[in-house]
Amino acid sequence: MAFLELVGVSKGFGKGERRLSVLEDVNLRVQKGEFVAIVGYSGSGKTTLLSLIAGLLVPDVGVVRLEGREVRAAGPDRGYVFQSYSLLPWLTVFENVALGVDQAFAAWPAAKRRAHVERHIALVNLSAARDKRPAQLSGGMRQRVAVARALALEPAVLLLDEPLSALDALTRATLQDEIEALWERDRKTVVLVTNDVDEAVLLADRIVPLSNGPGATLGPEIRVPLPRPRDRKAVNHDKHFKEVRAQVIEYLLGPGRRRPEPTARPLRVQPVLATGVPA
């Protein structure tokens, strides 16, 4: 049995003739400790898919299971990193991370909870900014807080909803490397959704493309046979990187492009240089 699985999952919104089908017959199996990337167009239903795994939404048809148990509601075993940071602006870095820790581990002594928060802030290199509020932080620092907050809950699955899409190229490359390093350290099960093909190839063990909507579904899985840690300087010259990248793009621009949305954000397919800046 897979650690995380979606079986025959469909989800739509609205009623009657106004109902819009977002996802149809989605099947996905993720093993414990695996890093899986879902790549698709903006508006194709990637966030809806993550929300179903998180328990923020319930499938119309099908089932989501984590460790053999059906997911019907949100829980601390699934850590969610949102695209928009979702930090409370009146709280400091420490307080934003501590908020979830105090709720999830209320039985712990205060000193243990405090040390737990400090350790996760240090993991994302923000100890010096622990007393700053979100308005005093850069975009990259805010996203680090969001990652620390999710990891501090010690979730079984970490869900990443295009967490780096709003960042500049240099900051994005730095955080990509930090996310890979954090995954290497703990080997948590991670599901990333992104419209950046290169990001998926750099980070994931396996890529599953999501077709364009409405009624989006998952395409054939593509393994990423690149050794870790992945060398950003060498990756553009690696034949496996080129092959995987080509397979993902071929599906998304071919079978996965059915019923295209004219307003969909184009896929990011620029070459990745040593600095992370597109050519």
Protein backbone atom coordinates (compact mmCIF):
# COMPACT_ATOMS: atom_id res chain seq x y z
CA MET A 1 0.00 0.00 0.00
CA ALA A 2 1.22 3.48 -0.88
CA PHE A 3 1.93 5.95 1.93
CA LEU A 4 -0.30 8.54 0.22
CA GLU A 5 -2.83 7.70 -2.48
CA LEU A 6 -5.63 9.27 -4.45
CA VAL A 7 -8.00 6.79 -6.06
CA GLY A 8 -10.49 7.87 -8.74
CA VAL A 9 -10.68 11.41 -7.35
CA SER A 10 -12.89 13.99 -9.08
CA LYS A 11 -13.76 17.48 -7.88
CA GLY A 12 -15.90 20.27 -9.28
CA PHE A 13 -17.56 23.46 -8.12
CA GLY A 14 -21.04 24.82 -8.66
CA LYS A 15 -24.32 23.04 -9.35
CA GLY A 16 -26.33 21.88 -12.34
CA GLU A 17 -25.45 23.48 -15.65
CA ARG A 18 -23.09 25.88 -13.89
CA ARG A 19 -20.98 23.13 -12.37
CA LEU A 20 -17.34 23.31 -13.44
CA SER A 21 -15.34 20.08 -13.33
CA VAL A 22 -11.82 20.88 -12.12
CA LEU A 23 -10.32 17.40 -11.66
CA GLU A 24 -11.49 14.09 -13.13
CA ASP A 25 -10.43 10.55 -12.25
CA VAL A 26 -7.14 11.49 -10.59
CA ASN A 27 -5.06 8.53 -9.43
CA LEU A 28 -1.77 9.03 -7.62
CA ARG A 29 0.39 6.85 -5.38
CA VAL A 30 3.25 8.37 -3.37
CA GLN A 31 5.69 6.29 -1.33
CA LYS A 32 7.00 7.33 2.08
CA GLY A 33 9.99 9.67 1.78
CA GLU A 34 9.37 10.34 -1.92
CA PHE A 35 9.54 13.83 -3.46
CA VAL A 36 6.85 14.09 -6.14
CA ALA A 37 6.20 17.12 -8.34
CA ILE A 38 2.89 17.81 -10.09
CA VAL A 39 3.53 20.08 -13.09
CA GLY A 40 0.78 21.83 -14.99
CA TYR A 41 -0.62 25.05 -16.37
CA SER A 42 -1.84 27.77 -14.04
CA GLY A 43 -5.55 27.29 -13.47
CA SER A 44 -5.42 23.57 -14.25
CA GLY A 45 -6.38 22.48 -10.72
CA LYS A 46 -3.01 22.00 -8.98
CA THR A 47 -4.05 23.90 -5.85
CA THR A 48 -7.37 22.01 -5.77
CA LEU A 49 -5.39 18.76 -5.88
CA LEU A 50 -3.20 19.82 -2.94
CA SER A 51 -6.24 21.04 -1.01
CA LEU A 52 -7.82 17.59 -1.39
CA ILE A 53 -4.67 15.97 0.04
CA ALA A 54 -4.59 18.53 2.84
CA GLY A 55 -8.23 17.83 3.72
CA LEU A 56 -9.26 21.42 3.01
CA LEU A 57 -11.58 20.05 0.31
CA VAL A 58 -13.44 16.74 0.05
CA PRO A 59 -13.63 14.82 -3.27
CA ASP A 60 -16.98 14.60 -5.07
CA VAL A 61 -15.96 11.11 -6.16
CA GLY A 62 -13.07 8.88 -5.08
CA VAL A 63 -10.94 8.79 -1.97
CA VAL A 64 -7.73 10.27 -0.56
CA ARG A 65 -5.80 8.08 1.89
CA LEU A 66 -2.77 8.77 4.05
CA GLU A 67 -1.16 5.78 5.74
CA GLY A 68 -4.27 3.77 4.88
CA ARG A 69 -6.70 6.20 6.53
CA GLU A 70 -9.19 8.24 4.54
CA VAL A 71 -8.53 11.99 4.55
CA ARG A 72 -11.73 13.92 5.26
CA ALA A 73 -10.44 16.97 7.14
CA ALA A 74 -7.29 19.01 7.71
CA GLY A 75 -4.76 17.81 10.27
CA PRO A 76 -1.22 18.45 11.56
CA ASP A 77 0.06 15.36 9.72
CA ARG A 78 -0.08 17.45 6.54
CA GLY A 79 2.02 20.62 6.47
CA TYR A 80 0.92 23.13 3.82
CA VAL A 81 3.19 25.87 2.43
CA PHE A 82 1.02 28.36 0.56
CA GLN A 83 2.04 30.42 -2.43
CA SER A 84 1.01 33.65 -0.65
CA TYR A 85 2.99 33.05 2.61
CA SER A 86 -0.19 33.42 4.75
CA LEU A 87 1.70 34.85 7.73
CA LEU A 88 -0.07 36.83 10.45
CA PRO A 89 1.32 40.36 10.00
CA TRP A 90 1.07 41.36 13.67
CA LEU A 91 3.17 38.41 14.85
CA THR A 92 6.94 38.04 14.77
CA VAL A 93 8.78 35.23 12.98
CA PHE A 94 8.98 33.31 16.26
CA GLU A 95 5.30 33.88 17.05
CA ASN A 96 4.12 32.83 13.57
CA VAL A 97 5.94 29.52 13.88
CA ALA A 98 5.00 29.05 17.54
CA LEU A 99 1.28 29.50 16.86
CA GLY A 100 0.92 26.09 15.23
CA VAL A 101 3.40 24.41 17.57
CA ASP A 102 1.48 25.56 20.65
CA GLN A 103 -1.72 24.07 19.24
CA ALA A 104 -0.27 20.82 17.85
CA PHE A 105 1.95 20.07 20.87
CA ALA A 106 -0.03 21.64 23.69
CA ALA A 107 0.96 18.81 26.06
CA TRP A 108 4.65 19.66 25.78
CA PRO A 109 6.27 21.88 28.44
CA ALA A 110 6.66 25.51 27.36
CA ALA A 111 10.46 25.23 27.29
CA LYS A 112 10.32 22.25 24.93
CA ARG A 113 7.90 24.04 22.57
CA ARG A 114 10.13 27.13 22.58
CA ALA A 115 13.25 25.11 21.77
CA HIS A 116 11.35 23.30 19.00
CA VAL A 117 10.36 26.61 17.41
CA GLU A 118 13.89 28.01 17.71
CA ARG A 119 15.34 24.89 16.05
CA HIS A 120 13.05 25.16 13.04
CA ILE A 121 13.71 28.87 12.64
CA ALA A 122 17.43 28.05 12.62
CA LEU A 123 16.85 25.34 9.99
CA VAL A 124 15.75 28.01 7.51
CA ASN A 125 18.51 30.43 8.55
CA LEU A 126 16.25 33.02 10.19
CA SER A 127 17.51 33.07 13.79
CA ALA A 128 18.74 36.64 13.39
CA ALA A 129 15.25 37.72 12.26
CA ARG A 130 13.25 35.82 14.88
CA ASP A 131 11.77 39.02 16.40
CA LYS A 132 10.89 40.73 13.12
CA ARG A 133 7.38 40.97 11.70
CA PRO A 134 6.52 39.97 8.10
CA ALA A 135 6.54 43.59 6.87
CA GLN A 136 10.21 43.79 7.86
CA LEU A 137 11.17 40.71 5.83
CA SER A 138 11.94 40.16 2.17
CA GLY A 139 9.78 37.83 0.09
CA GLY A 140 12.33 35.06 0.37
CA MET A 141 12.52 35.43 4.15
CA ARG A 142 8.72 35.31 4.44
CA GLN A 143 8.66 32.09 2.46
CA ARG A 144 11.32 30.66 4.78
CA VAL A 145 9.02 31.42 7.71
CA ALA A 146 6.18 29.60 5.95
CA VAL A 147 8.42 26.56 5.41
CA ALA A 148 9.60 26.62 9.05
CA ARG A 149 6.00 26.86 10.26
CA ALA A 150 4.99 23.81 8.22
CA LEU A 151 8.04 21.74 9.19
CA ALA A 152 7.64 22.58 12.89
CA LEU A 153 4.38 20.63 12.95
CA GLU A 154 6.43 17.53 12.06
CA PRO A 155 3.97 16.53 9.34
CA ALA A 156 3.94 13.16 7.64
CA VAL A 157 3.54 14.95 4.30
CA LEU A 158 4.79 18.38 3.26
CA LEU A 159 2.60 20.06 0.62
CA LEU A 160 4.22 22.86 -1.41
CA ASP A 161 1.82 25.01 -3.45
CA GLU A 162 4.06 26.89 -5.91
CA PRO A 163 5.87 28.37 -2.90
CA LEU A 164 8.60 30.08 -4.92
CA SER A 165 6.65 31.46 -7.88
CA ALA A 166 6.55 35.06 -6.62
CA LEU A 167 10.29 35.29 -5.96
CA ASP A 168 13.07 36.68 -8.11
CA ALA A 169 15.32 34.20 -9.90
CA LEU A 170 18.27 34.39 -7.49
CA THR A 171 16.12 34.02 -4.37
CA ARG A 172 14.14 31.23 -6.01
CA ALA A 173 17.33 29.30 -6.82
CA THR A 174 18.59 29.70 -3.25
CA LEU A 175 15.34 28.42 -1.74
CA GLN A 176 15.20 25.53 -4.21
CA ASP A 177 18.59 24.43 -2.89
CA GLU A 178 17.44 24.87 0.71
CA ILE A 179 14.28 22.83 0.13
CA GLU A 180 16.35 20.02 -1.38
CA ALA A 181 18.76 20.14 1.57
CA LEU A 182 15.89 20.02 4.08
CA TRP A 183 14.38 17.06 2.24
CA GLU A 184 17.74 15.26 2.20
CA ARG A 185 18.04 15.79 5.96
CA ASP A 186 14.62 14.45 7.02
CA ARG A 187 13.39 12.57 3.92
CA LYS A 188 9.83 13.69 4.51
CA THR A 189 7.23 12.82 1.92
CA VAL A 190 6.82 15.92 -0.26
CA VAL A 191 4.27 16.82 -2.92
CA LEU A 192 5.15 19.97 -4.86
CA VAL A 193 2.89 21.62 -7.42
CA THR A 194 4.48 24.01 -9.87
CA ASN A 195 4.27 25.35 -13.41
CA ASP A 196 8.07 25.49 -13.59
CA VAL A 197 9.36 22.39 -15.39
CA ASP A 198 13.00 23.03 -14.47
CA GLU A 199 12.13 23.40 -10.79
CA ALA A 200 10.35 20.06 -10.84
CA VAL A 201 13.30 18.29 -12.47
CA LEU A 202 15.77 19.85 -10.03
CA LEU A 203 13.83 18.84 -6.92
CA ALA A 204 11.71 15.77 -7.55
CA ASP A 205 12.23 12.02 -7.64
CA ARG A 206 9.22 11.71 -9.91
CA ILE A 207 7.18 14.14 -12.00
CA VAL A 208 3.51 13.66 -12.84
CA PRO A 209 2.15 16.19 -15.35
CA LEU A 210 -1.40 17.51 -14.93
CA SER A 211 -3.37 18.15 -18.11
CA ASN A 212 -5.00 21.48 -18.80
CA GLY A 213 -8.53 21.95 -17.49
CA PRO A 214 -11.40 21.93 -17.10
CA GLY A 215 -11.63 18.30 -16.08
CA ALA A 216 -7.87 17.99 -15.62
CA THR A 217 -6.30 14.62 -14.95
CA LEU A 218 -2.80 13.27 -14.36
CA GLY A 219 -0.65 12.11 -17.24
CA PRO A 220 2.06 9.43 -17.27
CA GLU A 221 4.63 9.62 -14.48
CA ILE A 222 8.23 10.44 -15.36
CA ARG A 223 11.12 9.32 -13.15
CA VAL A 224 14.03 11.70 -12.55
CA PRO A 225 17.24 9.62 -12.60
CA LEU A 226 19.55 12.41 -11.44
CA PRO A 227 21.91 11.83 -8.49
CA ARG A 228 21.57 13.93 -5.35
CA PRO A 229 22.58 16.47 -4.34
CA ARG A 230 21.92 17.93 -7.78
CA ASP A 231 24.62 20.18 -9.15
CA ARG A 232 23.01 23.30 -10.57
CA LYS A 233 26.16 24.03 -12.61
CA ALA A 234 26.13 20.68 -14.38
CA VAL A 235 22.45 19.95 -14.72
CA ASN A 236 21.96 21.73 -18.07
CA HIS A 237 24.53 19.42 -19.62
CA ASP A 238 23.13 16.20 -18.14
CA LYS A 239 21.42 14.02 -20.74
CA HIS A 240 18.94 12.71 -18.17
CA PHE A 241 17.90 16.26 -17.25
CA LYS A 242 17.32 17.04 -20.91
CA GLU A 243 15.38 13.82 -21.50
CA VAL A 244 13.07 14.29 -18.50
CA ARG A 245 12.50 17.94 -19.29
CA ALA A 246 11.63 17.08 -22.89
CA GLN A 247 9.18 14.36 -21.83
CA VAL A 248 7.33 16.69 -19.46
CA ILE A 249 7.11 19.49 -22.02
CA GLU A 250 6.08 17.07 -24.77
CA TYR A 251 3.11 15.88 -22.72
CA LEU A 252 2.04 19.34 -21.58
CA LEU A 253 2.24 20.82 -25.07
CA GLY A 254 0.68 17.72 -26.63
CA PRO A 255 -1.92 15.45 -24.97
CA GLY A 256 -2.00 17.57 -21.82
CA ARG A 257 -2.92 20.76 -23.63
CA ARG A 258 -6.50 19.79 -24.47
CA ARG A 259 -9.07 22.55 -24.01
CA PRO A 260 -6.39 25.25 -23.57
CA GLU A 261 -7.10 28.36 -21.57
CA PRO A 262 -6.10 31.51 -23.51
CA THR A 263 -5.30 33.29 -20.23
CA ALA A 264 -3.16 30.45 -18.81
CA ARG A 265 0.29 31.51 -17.65
CA PRO A 266 2.93 30.00 -19.96
CA LEU A 267 5.08 27.20 -18.63
CA ARG A 268 8.55 28.19 -17.40
CA VAL A 269 11.04 26.27 -19.50
CA GLN A 270 14.12 28.51 -19.60
CA PRO A 271 17.52 26.82 -19.14
CA VAL A 272 18.85 26.92 -15.59
CA LEU A 273 22.28 28.43 -15.18
CA ALA A 274 24.68 28.01 -12.26
CA THR A 275 23.19 31.07 -10.55
CA GLY A 276 19.60 29.98 -11.15
CA VAL A 277 19.07 32.98 -13.51
CA PRO A 278 17.26 32.00 -16.74
CA ALA A 279 19.31 32.43 -19.86
